[in-house]
N, C-alpha and C. Protein backbone atom coordinates (compact mmCIF):
# COMPACT_ATOMS: atom_id res chain seq x y z
N GLY A 1 -2.79 -2.35 -11.99
CA GLY A 1 -2.71 -1.64 -13.23
C GLY A 1 -1.54 -2.11 -14.06
N LEU A 2 -1.29 -1.41 -15.09
CA LEU A 2 -0.18 -1.70 -15.97
C LEU A 2 1.02 -0.90 -15.49
N TRP A 3 1.68 -1.37 -14.45
CA TRP A 3 2.73 -0.61 -13.79
C TRP A 3 3.91 -0.32 -14.70
N TRP A 4 4.09 -1.13 -15.71
CA TRP A 4 5.23 -0.92 -16.60
C TRP A 4 4.97 0.19 -17.61
N LEU A 5 3.73 0.60 -17.77
CA LEU A 5 3.40 1.72 -18.66
C LEU A 5 3.37 3.01 -17.85
N SER A 6 4.03 3.98 -18.35
CA SER A 6 4.08 5.26 -17.65
C SER A 6 2.71 5.92 -17.66
N GLY A 7 2.18 6.25 -16.48
CA GLY A 7 0.92 6.95 -16.37
C GLY A 7 -0.31 6.08 -16.45
N SER A 8 -0.17 4.75 -16.38
CA SER A 8 -1.35 3.89 -16.50
C SER A 8 -2.29 4.07 -15.33
N ASP A 9 -1.75 4.31 -14.13
CA ASP A 9 -2.59 4.49 -12.96
C ASP A 9 -3.16 5.90 -12.90
N LEU A 10 -2.54 6.83 -13.61
CA LEU A 10 -3.00 8.21 -13.58
C LEU A 10 -4.39 8.36 -14.17
N ARG A 11 -4.73 7.52 -15.16
CA ARG A 11 -6.05 7.59 -15.78
C ARG A 11 -7.14 7.23 -14.78
N LYS A 12 -6.92 6.18 -13.98
CA LYS A 12 -7.91 5.78 -12.98
C LYS A 12 -8.03 6.85 -11.90
N GLN A 13 -6.89 7.40 -11.49
CA GLN A 13 -6.91 8.44 -10.47
C GLN A 13 -7.62 9.68 -10.99
N ALA A 14 -7.41 10.02 -12.26
CA ALA A 14 -8.09 11.18 -12.85
C ALA A 14 -9.59 10.94 -12.91
N MET A 15 -10.01 9.70 -13.22
CA MET A 15 -11.44 9.36 -13.26
C MET A 15 -12.05 9.50 -11.87
N LEU A 16 -11.34 9.03 -10.85
CA LEU A 16 -11.82 9.14 -9.48
C LEU A 16 -11.92 10.60 -9.06
N ASN A 17 -10.89 11.38 -9.37
CA ASN A 17 -10.91 12.81 -9.02
C ASN A 17 -12.03 13.55 -9.73
N SER A 18 -12.29 13.22 -11.01
CA SER A 18 -13.36 13.90 -11.72
C SER A 18 -14.72 13.49 -11.18
N ALA A 19 -14.86 12.22 -10.74
CA ALA A 19 -16.12 11.76 -10.16
C ALA A 19 -16.40 12.52 -8.87
N LEU A 20 -15.36 12.75 -8.08
CA LEU A 20 -15.54 13.48 -6.84
C LEU A 20 -15.78 14.97 -7.09
N ALA A 21 -15.13 15.52 -8.11
CA ALA A 21 -15.28 16.95 -8.39
C ALA A 21 -16.64 17.27 -8.99
N ASP A 22 -17.21 16.34 -9.76
CA ASP A 22 -18.50 16.57 -10.40
C ASP A 22 -19.65 16.55 -9.40
N ARG A 23 -19.48 15.82 -8.32
CA ARG A 23 -20.56 15.67 -7.35
C ARG A 23 -20.53 16.81 -6.35
N PRO A 24 -21.63 17.50 -6.18
CA PRO A 24 -21.67 18.48 -5.09
C PRO A 24 -21.69 17.73 -3.76
N ARG A 25 -21.07 18.29 -2.77
CA ARG A 25 -21.05 17.63 -1.47
C ARG A 25 -22.43 17.73 -0.84
N ARG A 26 -22.94 16.56 -0.44
CA ARG A 26 -24.25 16.50 0.20
C ARG A 26 -24.06 16.56 1.70
N SER A 27 -24.88 17.33 2.36
CA SER A 27 -24.77 17.37 3.81
C SER A 27 -25.55 16.21 4.39
N SER A 28 -25.10 15.73 5.53
CA SER A 28 -25.72 14.56 6.11
C SER A 28 -27.06 14.87 6.77
N ASP A 29 -27.24 16.08 7.26
CA ASP A 29 -28.51 16.41 7.89
C ASP A 29 -29.20 17.61 7.25
N GLY A 30 -28.65 18.12 6.18
CA GLY A 30 -29.27 19.22 5.47
C GLY A 30 -29.07 20.57 6.12
N ALA A 31 -28.22 20.67 7.13
CA ALA A 31 -28.03 21.92 7.85
C ALA A 31 -26.83 22.70 7.34
N GLY A 32 -26.34 22.38 6.15
CA GLY A 32 -25.23 23.12 5.58
C GLY A 32 -23.87 22.65 6.02
N GLN A 33 -23.79 21.55 6.77
CA GLN A 33 -22.50 21.01 7.15
C GLN A 33 -21.89 20.32 5.94
N PRO A 34 -20.56 20.21 5.92
CA PRO A 34 -19.92 19.56 4.77
C PRO A 34 -20.36 18.11 4.64
N GLY A 35 -20.34 17.61 3.40
CA GLY A 35 -20.75 16.24 3.12
C GLY A 35 -19.70 15.24 3.54
N HIS A 36 -19.90 14.02 3.10
CA HIS A 36 -19.02 12.92 3.48
C HIS A 36 -17.66 13.05 2.80
N ASP A 37 -16.64 12.65 3.50
CA ASP A 37 -15.32 12.49 2.92
C ASP A 37 -15.22 11.02 2.52
N TYR A 38 -15.50 10.73 1.25
CA TYR A 38 -15.64 9.36 0.79
C TYR A 38 -14.34 8.58 0.88
N LEU A 39 -13.20 9.22 0.71
CA LEU A 39 -11.93 8.49 0.83
C LEU A 39 -11.68 8.08 2.27
N LYS A 40 -12.08 8.91 3.23
CA LYS A 40 -11.94 8.53 4.64
C LYS A 40 -12.91 7.39 4.97
N LEU A 41 -14.13 7.47 4.44
CA LEU A 41 -15.07 6.38 4.65
C LEU A 41 -14.55 5.08 4.06
N ALA A 42 -13.94 5.16 2.89
CA ALA A 42 -13.37 3.96 2.26
C ALA A 42 -12.27 3.37 3.13
N ALA A 43 -11.44 4.21 3.72
CA ALA A 43 -10.39 3.72 4.60
C ALA A 43 -11.00 3.10 5.86
N ASP A 44 -12.06 3.71 6.39
CA ASP A 44 -12.73 3.16 7.57
C ASP A 44 -13.36 1.80 7.28
N GLN A 45 -13.80 1.59 6.06
CA GLN A 45 -14.41 0.32 5.66
C GLN A 45 -13.38 -0.69 5.14
N ARG A 46 -12.12 -0.37 5.31
CA ARG A 46 -10.99 -1.23 4.93
C ARG A 46 -10.97 -1.55 3.44
N MET A 47 -11.25 -0.54 2.63
CA MET A 47 -11.08 -0.67 1.18
C MET A 47 -9.60 -0.40 0.91
N ASN A 48 -8.80 -1.48 0.87
CA ASN A 48 -7.36 -1.34 0.94
C ASN A 48 -6.65 -1.31 -0.40
N THR A 49 -7.35 -1.43 -1.50
CA THR A 49 -6.70 -1.32 -2.80
C THR A 49 -7.28 -0.13 -3.56
N ASP A 50 -6.54 0.34 -4.55
CA ASP A 50 -7.01 1.47 -5.34
C ASP A 50 -8.32 1.14 -6.04
N ILE A 51 -8.46 -0.09 -6.52
CA ILE A 51 -9.68 -0.48 -7.22
C ILE A 51 -10.86 -0.46 -6.28
N ARG A 52 -10.70 -1.06 -5.10
CA ARG A 52 -11.80 -1.07 -4.13
C ARG A 52 -12.17 0.34 -3.69
N ARG A 53 -11.17 1.18 -3.45
CA ARG A 53 -11.46 2.57 -3.06
C ARG A 53 -12.21 3.29 -4.17
N SER A 54 -11.77 3.11 -5.41
CA SER A 54 -12.43 3.79 -6.54
C SER A 54 -13.88 3.34 -6.68
N VAL A 55 -14.11 2.04 -6.61
CA VAL A 55 -15.47 1.50 -6.73
C VAL A 55 -16.33 1.99 -5.57
N PHE A 56 -15.79 1.98 -4.35
CA PHE A 56 -16.53 2.44 -3.18
C PHE A 56 -16.94 3.90 -3.33
N VAL A 57 -16.00 4.75 -3.74
CA VAL A 57 -16.29 6.17 -3.88
C VAL A 57 -17.34 6.40 -4.96
N VAL A 58 -17.24 5.67 -6.07
CA VAL A 58 -18.22 5.83 -7.15
C VAL A 58 -19.60 5.43 -6.68
N ILE A 59 -19.70 4.28 -5.99
CA ILE A 59 -21.01 3.81 -5.53
C ILE A 59 -21.60 4.77 -4.50
N MET A 60 -20.81 5.17 -3.54
CA MET A 60 -21.33 6.01 -2.46
C MET A 60 -21.63 7.44 -2.89
N SER A 61 -20.95 7.93 -3.92
CA SER A 61 -21.16 9.32 -4.33
C SER A 61 -22.20 9.46 -5.43
N SER A 62 -22.71 8.36 -5.96
CA SER A 62 -23.68 8.43 -7.05
C SER A 62 -25.08 8.70 -6.51
N GLU A 63 -25.84 9.44 -7.30
CA GLU A 63 -27.22 9.77 -6.93
C GLU A 63 -28.15 8.58 -7.09
N ASP A 64 -27.97 7.82 -8.17
CA ASP A 64 -28.84 6.67 -8.42
C ASP A 64 -28.05 5.58 -9.11
N TYR A 65 -28.71 4.46 -9.38
CA TYR A 65 -28.03 3.30 -9.94
C TYR A 65 -27.53 3.55 -11.36
N MET A 66 -28.21 4.38 -12.12
CA MET A 66 -27.75 4.65 -13.49
C MET A 66 -26.45 5.45 -13.49
N GLU A 67 -26.36 6.43 -12.62
CA GLU A 67 -25.14 7.22 -12.52
C GLU A 67 -23.99 6.34 -12.04
N ALA A 68 -24.26 5.47 -11.06
CA ALA A 68 -23.23 4.56 -10.57
C ALA A 68 -22.76 3.63 -11.68
N PHE A 69 -23.71 3.10 -12.46
CA PHE A 69 -23.36 2.22 -13.57
C PHE A 69 -22.46 2.92 -14.58
N GLU A 70 -22.82 4.14 -14.95
CA GLU A 70 -22.03 4.88 -15.93
C GLU A 70 -20.61 5.15 -15.42
N LYS A 71 -20.51 5.53 -14.16
CA LYS A 71 -19.19 5.81 -13.60
C LYS A 71 -18.36 4.53 -13.46
N LEU A 72 -19.00 3.43 -13.01
CA LEU A 72 -18.27 2.17 -12.90
C LEU A 72 -17.82 1.68 -14.26
N HIS A 73 -18.66 1.84 -15.26
CA HIS A 73 -18.28 1.45 -16.61
C HIS A 73 -17.12 2.30 -17.10
N GLY A 74 -17.09 3.55 -16.70
CA GLY A 74 -16.02 4.47 -17.11
C GLY A 74 -14.68 4.17 -16.46
N LEU A 75 -14.67 3.39 -15.37
CA LEU A 75 -13.40 3.04 -14.74
C LEU A 75 -12.56 2.12 -15.62
N GLY A 76 -13.21 1.38 -16.51
CA GLY A 76 -12.48 0.52 -17.43
C GLY A 76 -11.81 -0.66 -16.76
N LEU A 77 -12.48 -1.29 -15.82
CA LEU A 77 -11.90 -2.44 -15.13
C LEU A 77 -11.96 -3.67 -16.02
N LYS A 78 -10.98 -4.53 -15.88
CA LYS A 78 -10.88 -5.74 -16.71
C LYS A 78 -10.76 -6.97 -15.84
N GLY A 79 -11.28 -8.08 -16.32
CA GLY A 79 -11.09 -9.40 -15.72
C GLY A 79 -11.41 -9.47 -14.24
N SER A 80 -10.38 -9.83 -13.47
CA SER A 80 -10.58 -10.03 -12.03
C SER A 80 -10.90 -8.71 -11.32
N GLN A 81 -10.55 -7.58 -11.93
CA GLN A 81 -10.87 -6.30 -11.33
C GLN A 81 -12.37 -6.07 -11.30
N GLU A 82 -13.09 -6.61 -12.29
CA GLU A 82 -14.55 -6.45 -12.33
C GLU A 82 -15.21 -7.15 -11.15
N ARG A 83 -14.60 -8.23 -10.67
CA ARG A 83 -15.17 -8.95 -9.53
C ARG A 83 -15.14 -8.11 -8.26
N GLU A 84 -14.22 -7.17 -8.21
CA GLU A 84 -14.15 -6.29 -7.04
C GLU A 84 -15.41 -5.43 -6.93
N MET A 85 -16.05 -5.12 -8.06
CA MET A 85 -17.28 -4.31 -8.02
C MET A 85 -18.35 -5.03 -7.21
N SER A 86 -18.54 -6.33 -7.47
CA SER A 86 -19.59 -7.06 -6.74
C SER A 86 -19.22 -7.21 -5.27
N ARG A 87 -17.94 -7.40 -4.97
CA ARG A 87 -17.52 -7.52 -3.57
C ARG A 87 -17.75 -6.22 -2.79
N VAL A 88 -17.40 -5.11 -3.42
CA VAL A 88 -17.58 -3.81 -2.76
C VAL A 88 -19.07 -3.49 -2.63
N LEU A 89 -19.84 -3.77 -3.67
CA LEU A 89 -21.28 -3.52 -3.61
C LEU A 89 -21.93 -4.32 -2.49
N LEU A 90 -21.54 -5.59 -2.37
CA LEU A 90 -22.08 -6.42 -1.29
C LEU A 90 -21.67 -5.86 0.07
N HIS A 91 -20.44 -5.41 0.18
CA HIS A 91 -19.97 -4.81 1.43
C HIS A 91 -20.78 -3.56 1.77
N CYS A 92 -21.10 -2.75 0.76
CA CYS A 92 -21.88 -1.53 1.00
C CYS A 92 -23.30 -1.86 1.45
N CYS A 93 -23.84 -2.97 0.98
CA CYS A 93 -25.20 -3.36 1.35
C CYS A 93 -25.29 -3.87 2.78
N LEU A 94 -24.21 -4.42 3.27
CA LEU A 94 -24.22 -4.98 4.62
C LEU A 94 -24.02 -3.92 5.60
């Protein structure tokens, strides 16, 4: 991010938090158990940067490809950060 600007990372974190807050937790077997903890899953999958974690959470928490696209577009990634989307998506497919 733009570390020299005060609060530049806060916008991405706020986007991630709102993405998680908007999604109701889905249960894995439909028996009323709590849904996935996407940040823990991201850590388990070795998503070691904030960008990779954000992209992973957006992809995994989206209902369909259109919702994922809108949320990914809303992250406002630039340049080399956009390449992380394809890397994370490929990792999720494997």
